[in-house]
N, C-alpha and C. Protein backbone atom coordinates (compact mmCIF):
# COMPACT_ATOMS: atom_id res chain seq x y z
N UNK A 1 -3.99 -25.37 -12.76
CA UNK A 1 -3.04 -25.46 -11.59
C UNK A 1 -2.61 -24.07 -10.60
N UNK A 2 -2.58 -23.68 -9.71
CA UNK A 2 -2.24 -22.57 -9.11
C UNK A 2 -0.51 -21.93 -9.11
N UNK A 3 -0.45 -20.78 -9.32
CA UNK A 3 1.07 -20.23 -9.59
C UNK A 3 1.90 -20.14 -7.95
N UNK A 4 2.71 -20.47 -8.44
CA UNK A 4 3.44 -19.91 -6.91
C UNK A 4 4.30 -19.06 -7.31
N UNK A 5 4.59 -18.08 -6.40
CA UNK A 5 5.03 -16.93 -5.97
C UNK A 5 6.38 -16.53 -4.86
N UNK A 6 7.30 -16.87 -5.31
CA UNK A 6 8.51 -16.72 -4.18
C UNK A 6 8.95 -14.96 -3.55
N UNK A 7 8.50 -14.76 -3.17
CA UNK A 7 9.13 -13.17 -2.76
C UNK A 7 9.25 -12.69 -1.47
N UNK A 8 10.18 -11.39 -1.15
CA UNK A 8 10.53 -11.12 -0.02
C UNK A 8 9.84 -9.59 0.31
N UNK A 9 9.34 -9.87 1.62
CA UNK A 9 8.49 -8.78 2.20
C UNK A 9 9.79 -7.37 2.09
N UNK A 10 8.90 -6.60 1.41
CA UNK A 10 9.35 -4.97 1.45
C UNK A 10 10.33 -5.23 -0.12
N UNK A 11 10.84 -6.41 -1.11
CA UNK A 11 11.13 -6.23 -2.23
C UNK A 11 10.21 -5.79 -3.17
N UNK A 12 10.67 -5.06 -3.72
CA UNK A 12 9.87 -3.38 -4.78
C UNK A 12 9.70 -4.30 -5.92
N UNK A 13 10.65 -4.92 -6.29
CA UNK A 13 10.07 -6.16 -7.61
C UNK A 13 9.02 -7.31 -7.27
N UNK A 14 9.08 -7.70 -6.20
CA UNK A 14 7.99 -8.52 -5.73
C UNK A 14 6.61 -8.07 -5.71
N UNK A 15 6.85 -6.53 -4.93
CA UNK A 15 5.75 -5.96 -4.60
C UNK A 15 5.00 -5.87 -5.51
N UNK A 16 5.68 -5.34 -6.97
CA UNK A 16 4.58 -4.91 -8.51
C UNK A 16 4.24 -6.42 -8.61
N UNK A 17 4.59 -7.34 -8.68
CA UNK A 17 3.83 -8.92 -9.25
C UNK A 17 2.65 -9.37 -7.99
N UNK A 18 2.81 -8.78 -6.63
CA UNK A 18 1.42 -9.28 -6.15
C UNK A 18 0.50 -8.35 -6.36
N UNK A 19 0.75 -7.27 -6.38
CA UNK A 19 -0.31 -6.10 -6.99
C UNK A 19 -1.23 -6.50 -8.33
N UNK A 20 -0.28 -6.50 -9.82
CA UNK A 20 -0.59 -7.16 -10.85
C UNK A 20 -1.66 -8.69 -10.40
N UNK A 21 -1.43 -9.56 -9.64
CA UNK A 21 -1.75 -10.56 -9.18
C UNK A 21 -3.45 -10.64 -8.84
N UNK A 22 -3.37 -9.45 -7.74
CA UNK A 22 -4.22 -9.03 -6.92
C UNK A 22 -5.41 -7.98 -8.27
N UNK A 23 -4.77 -7.27 -9.21
CA UNK A 23 -5.67 -6.56 -10.12
C UNK A 23 -6.51 -7.50 -10.67
N UNK A 24 -5.78 -8.60 -11.28
CA UNK A 24 -6.22 -9.62 -12.47
C UNK A 24 -6.99 -10.87 -11.40
N UNK A 25 -7.37 -10.63 -10.30
CA UNK A 25 -7.89 -11.21 -9.86
C UNK A 25 -7.76 -12.91 -9.37
N UNK A 26 -6.34 -13.50 -10.04
CA UNK A 26 -5.63 -14.49 -10.04
C UNK A 26 -5.65 -15.10 -9.15
N UNK A 27 -5.62 -16.61 -8.99
CA UNK A 27 -5.45 -17.20 -8.15
C UNK A 27 -3.58 -17.64 -7.73
N UNK A 28 -3.02 -17.29 -6.75
CA UNK A 28 -1.61 -17.76 -6.97
C UNK A 28 -1.56 -17.88 -5.45
N UNK A 29 0.02 -18.65 -5.13
CA UNK A 29 0.09 -19.27 -4.05
C UNK A 29 1.31 -18.53 -3.43
N UNK A 30 1.48 -17.68 -2.82
CA UNK A 30 2.39 -16.46 -2.13
C UNK A 30 3.49 -17.18 -1.09
N UNK A 31 4.80 -17.57 -1.14
CA UNK A 31 5.74 -17.90 -0.57
C UNK A 31 6.56 -17.39 0.22
N UNK A 32 6.44 -16.66 1.49
CA UNK A 32 7.28 -15.47 1.36
C UNK A 32 8.50 -16.21 2.15
N UNK A 33 9.44 -15.40 1.68
CA UNK A 33 10.88 -16.00 2.05
C UNK A 33 11.38 -15.24 2.81
N UNK A 34 12.74 -16.29 3.55
CA UNK A 34 13.36 -14.91 4.66
C UNK A 34 15.07 -14.92 4.41
N UNK A 35 15.40 -13.56 3.95
CA UNK A 35 16.95 -13.74 3.44
C UNK A 35 17.60 -13.91 5.10
N UNK A 36 17.29 -13.93 5.60
CA UNK A 36 17.76 -14.30 7.45
C UNK A 36 18.15 -15.17 7.67
N UNK A 37 16.94 -16.15 7.34
CA UNK A 37 16.78 -17.56 7.22
C UNK A 37 17.51 -18.40 6.54
N UNK A 38 18.27 -17.84 5.60
CA UNK A 38 18.73 -18.43 4.30
C UNK A 38 18.35 -19.21 3.86
N UNK A 39 16.73 -18.64 3.34
CA UNK A 39 15.95 -19.44 2.02
C UNK A 39 16.00 -19.36 1.25
N UNK A 40 16.82 -18.33 0.71
CA UNK A 40 17.80 -17.80 -0.74
C UNK A 40 18.96 -18.48 -1.04
N UNK A 41 19.38 -18.87 -0.18
CA UNK A 41 20.74 -19.92 -0.18
C UNK A 41 20.25 -21.47 -0.25
N UNK A 42 19.42 -21.88 -0.46
CA UNK A 42 18.82 -22.94 -0.51
C UNK A 42 19.31 -23.78 -1.66
N UNK A 43 19.67 -25.27 -1.95
CA UNK A 43 19.73 -25.71 -3.10
C UNK A 43 18.43 -25.80 -3.89
N UNK A 44 17.58 -26.02 -2.82
CA UNK A 44 15.96 -25.88 -4.01
C UNK A 44 15.96 -24.26 -4.57
N UNK A 45 16.06 -23.33 -3.93
CA UNK A 45 15.86 -22.26 -3.96
C UNK A 45 16.24 -21.93 -5.72
N UNK A 46 17.70 -21.96 -5.46
CA UNK A 46 18.48 -22.38 -6.11
C UNK A 46 18.45 -22.56 -7.42
N UNK A 47 17.92 -23.86 -7.30
CA UNK A 47 17.76 -24.93 -8.87
C UNK A 47 16.34 -24.01 -9.79
N UNK A 48 15.52 -22.91 -8.90
CA UNK A 48 14.46 -22.25 -9.49
C UNK A 48 14.71 -20.88 -9.76
N UNK A 49 15.81 -20.37 -9.08
CA UNK A 49 16.34 -19.07 -9.52
C UNK A 49 17.95 -19.19 -9.53
N UNK A 50 18.32 -19.15 -10.64
CA UNK A 50 20.24 -18.99 -10.41
C UNK A 50 20.43 -18.03 -9.94
N UNK A 51 19.91 -16.60 -9.87
CA UNK A 51 20.47 -15.11 -9.31
C UNK A 51 20.18 -15.44 -7.87
N UNK A 52 18.92 -16.46 -7.42
CA UNK A 52 19.03 -15.99 -5.98
C UNK A 52 18.14 -14.75 -5.67
N UNK A 53 17.81 -14.37 -6.43
CA UNK A 53 16.88 -13.50 -5.89
C UNK A 53 15.51 -13.44 -6.59
N UNK A 54 14.29 -12.88 -5.76
CA UNK A 54 12.86 -12.56 -5.93
C UNK A 54 12.39 -11.67 -6.48
N UNK A 55 11.16 -11.34 -7.43
CA UNK A 55 10.37 -12.46 -7.29
C UNK A 55 11.24 -13.85 -7.95
N UNK A 56 10.31 -14.97 -7.98
CA UNK A 56 10.37 -15.90 -9.00
C UNK A 56 8.92 -16.94 -8.96
N UNK A 57 8.28 -16.76 -10.56
CA UNK A 57 7.03 -17.96 -10.82
C UNK A 57 7.29 -18.53 -11.06
N UNK A 58 6.86 -19.78 -10.59
CA UNK A 58 6.54 -20.74 -10.73
C UNK A 58 4.94 -21.46 -11.02
N UNK A 59 4.86 -21.78 -12.94
CA UNK A 59 3.60 -21.83 -13.03
C UNK A 59 3.55 -22.97 -13.95
N UNK A 60 3.40 -24.22 -13.01
CA UNK A 60 3.18 -25.87 -13.70
C UNK A 60 4.62 -25.79 -14.35
N UNK A 61 4.99 -26.15 -15.08
CA UNK A 61 6.42 -26.40 -15.48
C UNK A 61 6.99 -25.04 -15.80
N UNK A 62 6.19 -23.97 -16.05
CA UNK A 62 7.08 -22.58 -16.53
C UNK A 62 7.53 -22.08 -14.81
N UNK A 63 8.71 -21.69 -15.34
CA UNK A 63 9.71 -20.97 -14.08
C UNK A 63 10.12 -19.91 -14.50
N UNK A 64 9.80 -18.48 -14.18
CA UNK A 64 10.56 -16.94 -14.74
C UNK A 64 10.94 -16.19 -13.24
N UNK A 65 12.11 -15.29 -13.28
CA UNK A 65 12.31 -14.57 -12.66
C UNK A 65 12.77 -13.28 -13.44
N UNK A 66 12.63 -12.20 -12.59
CA UNK A 66 12.77 -10.51 -13.58
C UNK A 66 11.17 -10.25 -13.26
N UNK A 67 11.18 -9.46 -12.17
CA UNK A 67 10.23 -9.05 -12.12
C UNK A 67 9.01 -8.42 -13.35
N UNK A 68 9.66 -7.74 -14.54
CA UNK A 68 9.08 -6.94 -15.70
C UNK A 68 8.69 -8.14 -16.24
N UNK A 69 9.45 -9.48 -16.52
CA UNK A 69 9.56 -10.66 -17.58
C UNK A 69 8.00 -10.89 -16.75
N UNK A 70 8.10 -11.14 -15.82
CA UNK A 70 7.13 -11.80 -14.65
C UNK A 70 5.92 -11.40 -15.11
N UNK A 71 5.76 -9.34 -15.03
CA UNK A 71 4.20 -8.80 -15.05
C UNK A 71 3.67 -9.17 -16.64
N UNK A 72 4.92 -9.14 -17.37
CA UNK A 72 4.52 -9.66 -18.91
C UNK A 72 3.94 -10.95 -19.03
N UNK A 73 3.97 -11.67 -18.33
CA UNK A 73 4.01 -13.08 -18.42
C UNK A 73 2.56 -13.24 -18.08
N UNK A 74 2.49 -12.95 -16.86
CA UNK A 74 0.93 -12.89 -16.39
C UNK A 74 0.10 -12.08 -17.06
N UNK A 75 0.33 -10.94 -17.66
CA UNK A 75 -0.37 -10.08 -18.57
C UNK A 75 -1.02 -10.84 -19.83
N UNK A 76 -0.16 -11.49 -20.11
CA UNK A 76 -0.93 -12.39 -21.22
C UNK A 76 -1.75 -13.37 -20.95
N UNK A 77 -1.43 -14.28 -19.48
CA UNK A 77 -1.64 -15.37 -19.18
C UNK A 77 -3.62 -14.81 -18.74
N UNK A 78 -3.53 -13.81 -18.02
CA UNK A 78 -4.77 -13.37 -17.18
C UNK A 78 -4.80 -11.59 -18.24
N UNK A 79 -5.36 -11.94 -19.00
CA UNK A 79 -5.55 -10.59 -20.01
C UNK A 79 -6.25 -9.51 -19.80
N UNK A 80 -7.23 -9.52 -18.62
CA UNK A 80 -8.78 -8.55 -18.37
C UNK A 80 -8.00 -8.25 -16.74
N UNK A 81 -7.84 -6.95 -16.25
CA UNK A 81 -7.70 -6.39 -17.44
C UNK A 81 -6.69 -6.05 -17.86
N UNK A 82 -6.07 -5.31 -19.30
CA UNK A 82 -4.81 -5.25 -19.61
C UNK A 82 -3.96 -4.08 -18.85
N UNK A 83 -2.74 -4.53 -18.57
CA UNK A 83 -1.65 -3.73 -18.01
C UNK A 83 -0.73 -3.11 -19.00
N UNK A 84 -0.91 -3.81 -20.40
CA UNK A 84 0.55 -3.52 -20.63
C UNK A 84 -0.25 -2.52 -21.86
N UNK A 85 -1.39 -2.29 -21.77
CA UNK A 85 -1.97 -1.39 -22.77
C UNK A 85 -2.88 -2.16 -24.05
N UNK A 86 -3.66 -1.28 -24.32
CA UNK A 86 -4.51 -2.18 -25.65
C UNK A 86 -4.27 -1.93 -27.01
N UNK A 87 -3.12 -0.72 -27.27
CA UNK A 87 -2.86 -0.62 -28.54
C UNK A 87 -1.57 0.08 -28.31
N UNK A 88 -1.10 -0.05 -29.72
CA UNK A 88 0.28 0.57 -29.60
C UNK A 88 0.80 1.53 -28.85
N UNK A 89 -0.06 3.34 -28.98
CA UNK A 89 0.31 3.84 -28.59
C UNK A 89 0.49 3.83 -26.41
N UNK A 90 -0.62 3.13 -26.27
CA UNK A 90 -0.57 2.90 -25.06
C UNK A 90 0.36 2.10 -24.72
N UNK A 91 0.65 1.11 -25.22
CA UNK A 91 1.72 0.01 -24.83
C UNK A 91 3.37 0.95 -25.12
N UNK A 92 3.43 1.51 -25.96
CA UNK A 92 4.59 2.19 -25.97
C UNK A 92 4.58 3.80 -24.36
N UNK A 93 3.69 4.01 -24.02
CA UNK A 93 3.84 4.97 -23.32
C UNK A 93 3.99 4.72 -21.66
N UNK A 94 3.56 2.85 -21.36
CA UNK A 94 3.78 2.51 -20.29
C UNK A 94 5.06 1.69 -20.25
N UNK A 95 5.25 1.82 -21.44
CA UNK A 95 6.78 1.00 -21.40
C UNK A 95 8.16 2.22 -21.32
N UNK A 96 7.49 3.23 -21.77
CA UNK A 96 8.90 4.37 -21.52
C UNK A 96 8.75 4.89 -20.33
N UNK A 97 7.53 4.67 -19.34
CA UNK A 97 7.38 4.73 -17.73
C UNK A 97 8.59 4.48 -16.76
N UNK A 98 8.35 2.49 -17.52
CA UNK A 98 8.63 1.54 -16.89
C UNK A 98 10.44 1.39 -16.92
N UNK A 99 10.80 2.14 -18.23
CA UNK A 99 12.27 2.13 -18.81
C UNK A 99 12.38 3.29 -17.61
N UNK A 100 12.01 4.55 -17.68
CA UNK A 100 12.35 5.44 -16.89
C UNK A 100 12.38 5.37 -15.14
N UNK A 101 11.88 4.76 -15.01
CA UNK A 101 11.56 3.87 -13.62
C UNK A 101 13.11 3.10 -13.27
N UNK A 102 13.33 1.98 -14.29
CA UNK A 102 14.22 1.40 -14.01
C UNK A 102 15.61 1.86 -14.42
N UNK A 103 15.65 3.22 -15.48
CA UNK A 103 17.14 3.45 -15.73
C UNK A 103 17.32 4.41 -14.52
N UNK A 104 16.17 5.28 -14.14
CA UNK A 104 16.69 6.57 -13.39
C UNK A 104 16.10 6.36 -11.50
N UNK A 105 14.87 6.33 -11.56
CA UNK A 105 14.24 6.25 -10.32
C UNK A 105 14.86 5.44 -9.15
N UNK A 106 15.05 4.23 -10.06
CA UNK A 106 15.53 3.06 -9.19
C UNK A 106 17.08 2.98 -8.66
N UNK A 107 18.10 3.54 -9.59
CA UNK A 107 19.35 3.81 -9.31
C UNK A 107 19.32 4.93 -8.71
N UNK A 108 18.84 6.17 -8.45
CA UNK A 108 19.05 7.06 -7.88
C UNK A 108 18.47 7.17 -6.50
N UNK A 109 17.07 6.03 -6.19
CA UNK A 109 16.40 6.20 -5.11
C UNK A 109 16.94 4.76 -3.74
N UNK A 110 17.56 3.80 -4.61
CA UNK A 110 18.45 3.07 -4.25
C UNK A 110 19.70 3.49 -3.51
N UNK A 111 20.35 4.59 -3.42
CA UNK A 111 21.61 5.25 -3.11
C UNK A 111 20.74 6.02 -1.65
N UNK A 112 19.64 6.32 -1.58
CA UNK A 112 19.27 7.06 -0.14
C UNK A 112 18.55 5.50 0.71
N UNK A 113 18.06 4.71 0.04
CA UNK A 113 17.58 3.78 0.75
C UNK A 113 18.38 3.22 1.47
N UNK A 114 19.84 2.26 0.51
CA UNK A 114 20.74 1.73 0.65
C UNK A 114 21.42 2.86 1.98
N UNK A 115 21.53 3.83 1.78
CA UNK A 115 22.01 5.13 2.82
C UNK A 115 21.68 4.79 4.21
N UNK A 116 20.53 4.56 4.29
CA UNK A 116 19.43 4.56 5.65
C UNK A 116 19.37 3.50 6.24
N UNK A 117 18.96 2.49 5.48
CA UNK A 117 18.64 0.44 5.69
C UNK A 117 20.24 -0.27 5.60
N UNK A 118 21.14 0.03 5.03
CA UNK A 118 22.31 -0.70 4.78
C UNK A 118 23.57 -0.53 5.73
N UNK A 119 23.84 -0.82 6.81
CA UNK A 119 24.67 -0.37 7.89
C UNK A 119 26.20 -0.82 7.04
N UNK A 120 26.12 -1.20 6.27
CA UNK A 120 27.46 -1.56 5.54
C UNK A 120 28.14 0.18 5.32
N UNK A 121 26.76 1.02 4.39
CA UNK A 121 27.05 2.09 3.57
C UNK A 121 27.17 3.02 4.38
N UNK A 122 28.21 4.28 4.53
CA UNK A 122 28.03 5.03 4.89
C UNK A 122 28.42 6.41 3.76
N UNK A 123 26.79 7.40 3.75
CA UNK A 123 27.24 8.22 3.02
C UNK A 123 27.39 9.51 3.85
N UNK A 124 27.66 10.30 2.90
CA UNK A 124 27.96 11.63 3.68
C UNK A 124 26.76 12.52 3.33
N UNK A 125 26.66 13.77 4.14
CA UNK A 125 25.53 14.70 3.84
C UNK A 125 25.31 15.15 2.11
N UNK A 126 26.81 15.49 1.67
CA UNK A 126 26.54 15.61 0.38
C UNK A 126 25.81 14.54 -0.46
N UNK A 127 26.17 13.71 -0.49
CA UNK A 127 26.06 12.51 -1.19
C UNK A 127 24.50 12.45 -0.75
N UNK A 128 23.78 12.12 -0.01
CA UNK A 128 22.68 12.45 0.47
C UNK A 128 21.80 13.18 -0.49
N UNK A 129 22.15 14.77 -0.47
CA UNK A 129 21.78 15.50 -1.22
C UNK A 129 21.60 15.71 -2.52
N UNK A 130 23.17 15.08 -3.00
CA UNK A 130 23.19 14.95 -4.46
C UNK A 130 22.21 13.86 -4.93
N UNK A 131 22.19 12.77 -4.17
CA UNK A 131 21.05 11.53 -4.75
C UNK A 131 19.90 12.15 -4.85
N UNK A 132 19.56 13.12 -3.43
CA UNK A 132 17.74 13.65 -3.30
C UNK A 132 17.78 14.23 -4.72
N UNK A 133 18.57 15.38 -4.97
CA UNK A 133 18.13 16.04 -6.44
C UNK A 133 17.86 15.41 -7.65
N UNK A 134 18.61 14.20 -7.45
CA UNK A 134 18.58 13.56 -8.71
C UNK A 134 16.78 13.08 -8.56
N UNK A 135 16.62 12.33 -7.47
CA UNK A 135 15.10 12.11 -6.99
C UNK A 135 13.91 12.90 -7.25
N UNK A 136 14.10 14.28 -6.85
CA UNK A 136 13.56 15.55 -7.10
C UNK A 136 12.64 15.05 -8.34
N UNK A 137 14.29 15.09 -9.46
CA UNK A 137 13.60 15.31 -10.78
C UNK A 137 12.91 14.73 -11.04
N UNK A 138 12.96 13.07 -11.01
CA UNK A 138 12.24 11.87 -11.39
C UNK A 138 10.87 12.42 -10.72
N UNK A 139 10.58 12.37 -9.26
CA UNK A 139 9.50 12.99 -8.88
C UNK A 139 8.61 13.96 -9.99
N UNK A 140 9.51 15.16 -10.19
CA UNK A 140 8.79 15.87 -10.69
C UNK A 140 8.29 15.69 -12.13
N UNK A 141 9.01 14.98 -12.39
CA UNK A 141 8.47 14.40 -13.90
C UNK A 141 6.99 13.58 -13.93
N UNK A 142 6.79 12.58 -12.56
CA UNK A 142 5.80 11.77 -12.30
C UNK A 142 4.77 13.10 -11.71
N UNK A 143 5.34 13.41 -10.93
CA UNK A 143 3.97 14.65 -10.60
C UNK A 143 3.56 15.10 -11.68
N UNK A 144 3.98 15.56 -12.77
CA UNK A 144 3.83 16.42 -13.49
C UNK A 144 3.05 15.69 -14.18
N UNK A 145 3.47 14.37 -14.82
CA UNK A 145 2.07 13.29 -15.75
C UNK A 145 1.12 12.98 -14.67
N UNK A 146 0.88 12.98 -13.27
CA UNK A 146 -0.17 12.70 -12.51
C UNK A 146 -1.16 13.83 -12.24
N UNK A 147 -0.42 15.43 -12.81
CA UNK A 147 -1.50 16.27 -12.43
C UNK A 147 -2.09 16.44 -13.91
N UNK A 148 -2.14 16.04 -14.82
CA UNK A 148 -3.18 15.56 -15.86
C UNK A 148 -3.56 14.22 -16.00
N UNK A 149 -3.68 13.17 -15.62
CA UNK A 149 -4.12 12.04 -15.45
C UNK A 149 -3.94 11.37 -14.39
N UNK A 150 -4.59 10.37 -14.06
CA UNK A 150 -4.88 9.84 -12.66
C UNK A 150 -4.24 8.90 -12.30
N UNK A 151 -3.06 8.54 -13.63
CA UNK A 151 -1.92 6.88 -13.39
C UNK A 151 -1.19 7.70 -14.62
N UNK A 152 -0.30 6.98 -14.49
CA UNK A 152 1.38 7.74 -14.91
C UNK A 152 1.38 7.42 -16.53
N UNK A 153 0.53 6.15 -17.25
CA UNK A 153 0.68 5.87 -18.32
C UNK A 153 -0.63 6.73 -18.94
N UNK A 154 -1.61 7.05 -18.16
CA UNK A 154 -2.87 7.63 -19.02
C UNK A 154 -4.16 7.62 -18.03
N UNK A 155 -5.18 7.16 -18.56
CA UNK A 155 -6.52 7.18 -17.70
C UNK A 155 -6.94 5.91 -17.08
N UNK A 156 -6.21 5.17 -16.98
CA UNK A 156 -6.07 3.35 -16.69
C UNK A 156 -4.94 3.15 -15.94
N UNK A 157 -5.10 2.40 -14.69
CA UNK A 157 -4.17 1.80 -14.09
C UNK A 157 -3.50 0.80 -15.10
N UNK A 158 -2.12 0.85 -15.31
CA UNK A 158 -1.06 -0.01 -16.05
C UNK A 158 0.06 -0.35 -15.08
N UNK A 159 0.64 -1.57 -15.72
CA UNK A 159 2.16 -1.90 -15.27
C UNK A 159 2.72 -1.19 -14.87
N UNK A 160 3.21 0.21 -15.33
CA UNK A 160 3.91 1.43 -15.22
C UNK A 160 3.55 1.60 -13.69
N UNK A 161 2.60 1.85 -13.80
CA UNK A 161 2.28 2.38 -12.15
C UNK A 161 2.54 0.98 -10.89
N UNK A 162 2.13 -0.10 -11.51
CA UNK A 162 2.63 -1.45 -10.61
C UNK A 162 4.29 -1.33 -10.29
N UNK A 163 5.11 -1.03 -10.86
CA UNK A 163 6.55 -1.13 -11.24
C UNK A 163 6.71 0.17 -10.39
N UNK A 164 6.44 1.29 -11.02
CA UNK A 164 6.69 2.70 -9.92
C UNK A 164 6.50 2.67 -8.49
N UNK A 165 5.27 2.36 -8.35
CA UNK A 165 5.17 2.35 -6.79
C UNK A 165 5.50 1.96 -5.55
N UNK A 166 6.15 0.86 -5.79
CA UNK A 166 6.66 0.14 -4.71
C UNK A 166 8.03 1.49 -4.76
N UNK A 167 8.73 1.78 -5.58
CA UNK A 167 10.09 2.23 -5.16
C UNK A 167 10.14 3.94 -4.20
N UNK A 168 8.81 4.42 -5.27
CA UNK A 168 8.44 5.22 -4.23
C UNK A 168 7.76 4.74 -2.62
N UNK A 169 7.52 4.08 -2.77
CA UNK A 169 6.92 3.53 -1.10
C UNK A 169 8.47 3.05 -0.23
N UNK A 170 8.80 3.11 -0.77
CA UNK A 170 10.35 2.27 -0.15
C UNK A 170 11.21 3.32 -0.03
N UNK A 171 11.51 4.56 -0.64
CA UNK A 171 12.31 5.51 -0.72
C UNK A 171 11.84 6.74 0.27
N UNK A 172 10.30 6.76 0.32
CA UNK A 172 9.86 7.67 1.31
C UNK A 172 9.60 7.45 2.75
N UNK A 173 10.19 5.54 2.68
CA UNK A 173 9.72 5.50 4.17
C UNK A 173 11.74 5.46 4.58
N UNK A 174 12.36 5.28 3.92
CA UNK A 174 13.64 5.65 4.14
C UNK A 174 14.07 7.47 4.39
N UNK A 175 13.52 8.29 3.80
CA UNK A 175 13.22 9.36 4.29
C UNK A 175 12.80 9.93 5.50
N UNK A 176 12.03 9.12 5.73
CA UNK A 176 11.64 9.32 7.24
C UNK A 176 12.42 8.84 8.35
N UNK A 177 13.48 8.11 7.83
CA UNK A 177 14.72 7.86 9.21
C UNK A 177 15.83 8.42 9.13
N UNK A 178 16.81 8.16 9.89
CA UNK A 178 17.85 8.73 9.87
C UNK A 178 18.65 7.87 9.53
N UNK A 179 19.94 8.26 8.89
CA UNK A 179 19.94 9.61 9.01
C UNK A 179 19.29 10.70 8.06
N UNK A 180 18.43 10.35 6.59
CA UNK A 180 17.97 11.13 5.69
C UNK A 180 17.24 12.00 6.76
N UNK A 181 16.29 11.38 7.89
CA UNK A 181 15.00 12.21 8.63
C UNK A 181 15.61 13.87 8.78
N UNK A 182 16.67 13.38 9.37
CA UNK A 182 17.18 14.74 9.93
C UNK A 182 17.85 15.91 8.85
N UNK A 183 18.07 15.63 7.77
CA UNK A 183 18.63 16.48 6.87
C UNK A 183 17.42 16.79 6.44
N UNK A 184 16.26 16.48 5.94
CA UNK A 184 15.04 17.32 5.27
C UNK A 184 15.27 17.28 4.38
N UNK A 185 15.01 16.36 3.28
CA UNK A 185 15.41 16.46 1.97
C UNK A 185 14.20 17.07 0.96
N UNK A 186 13.31 17.16 1.69
CA UNK A 186 12.40 17.96 0.85
C UNK A 186 11.30 16.89 0.05
N UNK A 187 10.99 15.66 0.53
CA UNK A 187 10.03 15.09 0.32
C UNK A 187 8.95 15.01 0.79
N UNK A 188 8.90 14.75 2.62
CA UNK A 188 7.72 14.92 3.39
C UNK A 188 7.42 16.20 3.88
N UNK A 189 6.44 16.35 4.30
CA UNK A 189 5.15 15.46 4.03
C UNK A 189 4.75 15.08 2.13
N UNK A 190 4.64 14.18 1.84
CA UNK A 190 3.95 13.84 0.45
C UNK A 190 3.26 14.78 -0.27
N UNK A 191 2.16 15.14 0.64
CA UNK A 191 1.05 15.61 -0.11
C UNK A 191 1.02 17.22 -0.15
N UNK A 192 2.17 17.82 0.24
CA UNK A 192 2.42 19.08 0.69
C UNK A 192 4.18 19.34 -0.33
N UNK A 193 4.66 18.27 -0.55
CA UNK A 193 5.72 18.56 -1.94
C UNK A 193 5.31 17.95 -3.73
N UNK A 194 4.26 16.88 -3.07
CA UNK A 194 4.18 16.07 -4.59
C UNK A 194 2.59 16.09 -4.55
N UNK A 195 1.71 16.62 -4.24
CA UNK A 195 0.17 16.62 -3.65
C UNK A 195 -0.35 15.51 -4.94
N UNK A 196 0.26 15.29 -6.22
CA UNK A 196 -0.39 14.94 -7.11
C UNK A 196 -0.09 13.31 -6.80
N UNK A 197 1.03 12.63 -6.75
CA UNK A 197 1.90 11.68 -6.53
C UNK A 197 0.70 11.43 -4.79
N UNK A 198 0.95 12.31 -4.27
CA UNK A 198 0.17 11.80 -2.91
C UNK A 198 -1.24 11.28 -2.83
N UNK A 199 -1.95 11.90 -3.95
CA UNK A 199 -3.35 11.12 -4.63
C UNK A 199 -3.33 10.03 -4.88
N UNK A 200 -2.11 9.90 -6.40
CA UNK A 200 -2.14 8.50 -7.05
C UNK A 200 -1.54 7.41 -5.76
N UNK A 201 -0.97 7.75 -5.00
CA UNK A 201 -0.48 6.63 -3.58
C UNK A 201 -1.70 6.44 -3.04
N UNK A 202 -2.54 7.09 -3.07
CA UNK A 202 -3.84 6.54 -2.28
C UNK A 202 -5.05 6.03 -3.45
N UNK A 203 -4.76 6.16 -4.53
CA UNK A 203 -5.37 5.37 -5.60
C UNK A 203 -4.91 3.80 -5.80
N UNK A 204 -3.41 3.53 -5.72
CA UNK A 204 -3.02 2.38 -5.28
C UNK A 204 -3.53 1.73 -4.12
N UNK A 205 -3.74 2.06 -2.81
CA UNK A 205 -3.91 1.71 -1.42
C UNK A 205 -4.91 1.10 -1.99
N UNK A 206 -5.97 1.49 -2.58
CA UNK A 206 -7.28 1.41 -2.53
C UNK A 206 -7.93 0.19 -3.45
N UNK A 207 -6.70 -0.47 -4.28
CA UNK A 207 -6.79 -1.43 -5.16
C UNK A 207 -7.35 -2.60 -4.08
N UNK A 208 -8.25 -3.26 -4.36
CA UNK A 208 -8.74 -4.20 -3.97
C UNK A 208 -7.69 -5.20 -3.79
N UNK A 209 -7.48 -6.25 -2.54
CA UNK A 209 -6.26 -6.97 -2.37
C UNK A 209 -4.95 -6.17 -1.62
N UNK A 210 -4.90 -5.03 -2.03
CA UNK A 210 -3.82 -3.81 -1.89
C UNK A 210 -3.33 -4.91 -0.35
N UNK A 211 -4.05 -4.47 0.57
CA UNK A 211 -3.36 -5.09 1.61
C UNK A 211 -2.68 -6.46 2.01
N UNK A 212 -3.23 -7.42 1.27
CA UNK A 212 -2.47 -8.69 1.18
C UNK A 212 -1.01 -8.54 0.86
N UNK A 213 -0.58 -7.49 -0.26
CA UNK A 213 0.64 -7.13 -0.83
C UNK A 213 1.88 -6.55 0.01
N UNK A 214 0.80 -5.91 0.99
CA UNK A 214 2.09 -4.49 2.07
C UNK A 214 2.85 -5.65 2.29
N UNK A 215 3.73 -5.29 2.79
CA UNK A 215 5.04 -5.98 3.22
C UNK A 215 5.08 -6.13 5.03
N UNK A 216 4.95 -7.08 5.05
CA UNK A 216 4.22 -7.80 6.33
C UNK A 216 5.32 -7.19 7.45
N UNK A 217 6.36 -7.05 7.58
CA UNK A 217 7.86 -6.96 8.20
C UNK A 217 7.44 -4.96 8.72
N UNK A 218 6.51 -4.34 7.61
CA UNK A 218 6.62 -2.90 7.85
C UNK A 218 5.50 -2.90 8.78
N UNK A 219 4.67 -3.86 9.10
CA UNK A 219 3.47 -3.99 10.33
C UNK A 219 3.87 -4.00 11.47
N UNK A 220 5.29 -4.74 11.10
CA UNK A 220 5.37 -5.15 12.50
C UNK A 220 6.64 -4.30 13.26
N UNK A 221 7.11 -3.43 12.14
CA UNK A 221 7.84 -2.53 12.58
C UNK A 221 7.07 -1.06 12.59
N UNK A 222 5.88 -1.22 12.68
CA UNK A 222 5.09 0.35 13.15
C UNK A 222 4.68 0.59 14.45
């Protein structure tokens, strides 16, 4: 049975799940939802996702939400290639990077993303720069790791890369738009400020099937 994946364009949480499915070469049915059309407020979706958030995986009788939980489930169901490690050491490093992203990068970068894309948020220049300084520290941490290895948790791609990558892409997209763009927060061009991260981005984009996961509304806005 082919699993259904309910997702929103541009959601970093959904993007990492789609990337994993492409790497695993698993059959799946992507169901693109629209918040503006009210798709996440229907009774049908609420029956699947009590929190009304994506992604949601429906695999037969198994219904699961929360992106990292979905990644872990799919990694067990499709064991090759293993994306949560082949031994305790690899697994520990992978989870460390995932949790660093969840606890730090996600929260710090979200402030700038919301300041750019959410019209309800009115951030001052000082607030932008304060948030940017915190993201810089996280980017430098990743830059250091990627200067030594091709991937965030070692020499092979893992769930850590899939979790972190979408947040960096969305954050950089925000940095290129006003009001962040005119502040020159020191992230763009990426290959100038963080060359190892830029090279890692290119490795992610070279994944077979990557284009199928790319947020469709970003193409429309290009």
